[in-house]
Amino acid sequence: MAKEGSLARAAEKLHVSQPSISEQIRELESAFGEKLFQRDGRNNKLTAAGRVVFG
């Protein structure tokens, strides 16, 4: 999602459902204890923590 900018585009590219991408992101954020994406409507951008993780 970091490269695609949206859950829908990432899910389509990976041939998985959008809810499965969302769940994986929630699990990663929980594991790191940080928000990794700033969600703005349909657009998503990496937070500072996200840039460190996905840098």
N, C-alpha and C. Protein backbone atom coordinates (compact mmCIF):
# COMPACT_ATOMS: atom_id res chain seq x y z
N MET A 1 0.81 -1.18 0.00
CA MET A 1 0.00 0.00 0.00
C MET A 1 0.86 1.25 0.00
N ALA A 2 2.02 1.17 0.58
CA ALA A 2 2.88 2.33 0.64
C ALA A 2 3.19 2.86 -0.76
N LYS A 3 3.44 1.98 -1.70
CA LYS A 3 3.75 2.40 -3.06
C LYS A 3 2.50 2.73 -3.85
N GLU A 4 1.42 2.03 -3.59
CA GLU A 4 0.20 2.21 -4.37
C GLU A 4 -0.62 3.41 -3.93
N GLY A 5 -0.56 3.78 -2.64
CA GLY A 5 -1.29 4.94 -2.16
C GLY A 5 -2.72 4.66 -1.75
N SER A 6 -3.23 3.49 -2.07
CA SER A 6 -4.60 3.15 -1.67
C SER A 6 -4.72 1.66 -1.42
N LEU A 7 -5.62 1.33 -0.51
CA LEU A 7 -5.86 -0.07 -0.21
C LEU A 7 -6.39 -0.82 -1.42
N ALA A 8 -7.30 -0.20 -2.13
CA ALA A 8 -7.92 -0.87 -3.28
C ALA A 8 -6.88 -1.22 -4.35
N ARG A 9 -6.00 -0.27 -4.67
CA ARG A 9 -4.97 -0.53 -5.69
C ARG A 9 -3.98 -1.59 -5.22
N ALA A 10 -3.61 -1.53 -3.95
CA ALA A 10 -2.69 -2.54 -3.40
C ALA A 10 -3.33 -3.92 -3.44
N ALA A 11 -4.59 -4.01 -3.03
CA ALA A 11 -5.29 -5.29 -3.02
C ALA A 11 -5.40 -5.86 -4.44
N GLU A 12 -5.73 -5.00 -5.38
CA GLU A 12 -5.86 -5.44 -6.77
C GLU A 12 -4.52 -5.97 -7.30
N LYS A 13 -3.46 -5.23 -7.02
CA LYS A 13 -2.14 -5.63 -7.50
C LYS A 13 -1.68 -6.95 -6.89
N LEU A 14 -2.05 -7.18 -5.62
CA LEU A 14 -1.63 -8.39 -4.91
C LEU A 14 -2.62 -9.55 -5.06
N HIS A 15 -3.74 -9.29 -5.71
CA HIS A 15 -4.78 -10.30 -5.92
C HIS A 15 -5.33 -10.83 -4.59
N VAL A 16 -5.56 -9.90 -3.65
CA VAL A 16 -6.18 -10.24 -2.37
C VAL A 16 -7.30 -9.25 -2.11
N SER A 17 -8.08 -9.52 -1.08
CA SER A 17 -9.19 -8.61 -0.77
C SER A 17 -8.70 -7.39 0.01
N GLN A 18 -9.42 -6.30 -0.13
CA GLN A 18 -9.09 -5.08 0.59
C GLN A 18 -9.15 -5.31 2.11
N PRO A 19 -10.16 -6.03 2.63
CA PRO A 19 -10.19 -6.27 4.08
C PRO A 19 -8.96 -7.04 4.58
N SER A 20 -8.41 -7.93 3.77
CA SER A 20 -7.23 -8.66 4.23
C SER A 20 -6.02 -7.73 4.32
N ILE A 21 -5.91 -6.77 3.42
CA ILE A 21 -4.83 -5.78 3.50
C ILE A 21 -5.01 -4.94 4.76
N SER A 22 -6.23 -4.50 5.01
CA SER A 22 -6.51 -3.69 6.20
C SER A 22 -6.14 -4.44 7.48
N GLU A 23 -6.49 -5.70 7.53
CA GLU A 23 -6.20 -6.50 8.72
C GLU A 23 -4.68 -6.65 8.91
N GLN A 24 -3.96 -6.88 7.84
CA GLN A 24 -2.50 -7.01 7.94
C GLN A 24 -1.87 -5.71 8.44
N ILE A 25 -2.38 -4.59 7.96
CA ILE A 25 -1.87 -3.29 8.41
C ILE A 25 -2.15 -3.10 9.89
N ARG A 26 -3.37 -3.43 10.33
CA ARG A 26 -3.70 -3.32 11.76
C ARG A 26 -2.77 -4.18 12.60
N GLU A 27 -2.49 -5.39 12.14
CA GLU A 27 -1.59 -6.27 12.88
C GLU A 27 -0.18 -5.71 12.94
N LEU A 28 0.32 -5.16 11.84
CA LEU A 28 1.64 -4.54 11.84
C LEU A 28 1.69 -3.35 12.79
N GLU A 29 0.66 -2.51 12.73
CA GLU A 29 0.63 -1.34 13.60
C GLU A 29 0.56 -1.76 15.07
N SER A 30 -0.16 -2.80 15.35
CA SER A 30 -0.22 -3.31 16.71
C SER A 30 1.13 -3.85 17.15
N ALA A 31 1.79 -4.59 16.28
CA ALA A 31 3.09 -5.17 16.62
C ALA A 31 4.14 -4.09 16.86
N PHE A 32 4.12 -3.03 16.06
CA PHE A 32 5.08 -1.95 16.22
C PHE A 32 4.66 -0.92 17.26
N GLY A 33 3.38 -0.93 17.62
CA GLY A 33 2.88 0.05 18.58
C GLY A 33 2.84 1.46 18.03
N GLU A 34 2.76 1.57 16.73
CA GLU A 34 2.76 2.87 16.04
C GLU A 34 1.83 2.81 14.85
N LYS A 35 1.26 3.94 14.50
CA LYS A 35 0.53 4.05 13.25
C LYS A 35 1.55 4.11 12.12
N LEU A 36 1.37 3.31 11.10
CA LEU A 36 2.31 3.27 9.98
C LEU A 36 1.81 4.08 8.79
N PHE A 37 0.50 4.30 8.74
CA PHE A 37 -0.10 5.05 7.64
C PHE A 37 -0.99 6.15 8.17
N GLN A 38 -0.95 7.29 7.50
CA GLN A 38 -1.89 8.37 7.76
C GLN A 38 -3.00 8.22 6.73
N ARG A 39 -4.19 7.97 7.21
CA ARG A 39 -5.31 7.75 6.30
C ARG A 39 -6.07 9.06 6.09
N ASP A 40 -6.22 9.43 4.84
CA ASP A 40 -6.92 10.65 4.48
C ASP A 40 -7.92 10.31 3.39
N GLY A 41 -9.11 9.93 3.82
CA GLY A 41 -10.09 9.49 2.85
C GLY A 41 -9.62 8.22 2.18
N ARG A 42 -9.49 8.27 0.87
CA ARG A 42 -9.02 7.10 0.13
C ARG A 42 -7.52 7.08 -0.08
N ASN A 43 -6.87 8.17 0.28
CA ASN A 43 -5.42 8.25 0.12
C ASN A 43 -4.75 7.88 1.43
N ASN A 44 -3.65 7.19 1.34
CA ASN A 44 -2.88 6.77 2.51
C ASN A 44 -1.42 7.13 2.29
N LYS A 45 -0.83 7.72 3.32
CA LYS A 45 0.59 8.09 3.25
C LYS A 45 1.29 7.50 4.46
N LEU A 46 2.56 7.19 4.29
CA LEU A 46 3.34 6.67 5.39
C LEU A 46 3.55 7.74 6.45
N THR A 47 3.46 7.35 7.70
CA THR A 47 3.85 8.22 8.80
C THR A 47 5.37 8.16 8.93
N ALA A 48 5.92 8.91 9.85
CA ALA A 48 7.37 8.85 10.09
C ALA A 48 7.76 7.42 10.48
N ALA A 49 6.99 6.77 11.33
CA ALA A 49 7.26 5.38 11.72
C ALA A 49 7.15 4.47 10.51
N GLY A 50 6.17 4.69 9.67
CA GLY A 50 6.00 3.89 8.46
C GLY A 50 7.18 4.01 7.52
N ARG A 51 7.74 5.22 7.42
CA ARG A 51 8.91 5.42 6.56
C ARG A 51 10.12 4.65 7.10
N VAL A 52 10.23 4.56 8.43
CA VAL A 52 11.33 3.80 9.02
C VAL A 52 11.14 2.31 8.72
N VAL A 53 9.92 1.81 8.89
CA VAL A 53 9.64 0.40 8.68
C VAL A 53 9.76 0.01 7.21
N PHE A 54 9.17 0.81 6.34
CA PHE A 54 9.12 0.47 4.92
C PHE A 54 10.17 1.17 4.09
N GLY A 55 10.92 2.10 4.74
CA GLY A 55 11.93 2.95 4.13
C GLY A 55 12.49 2.45 2.91
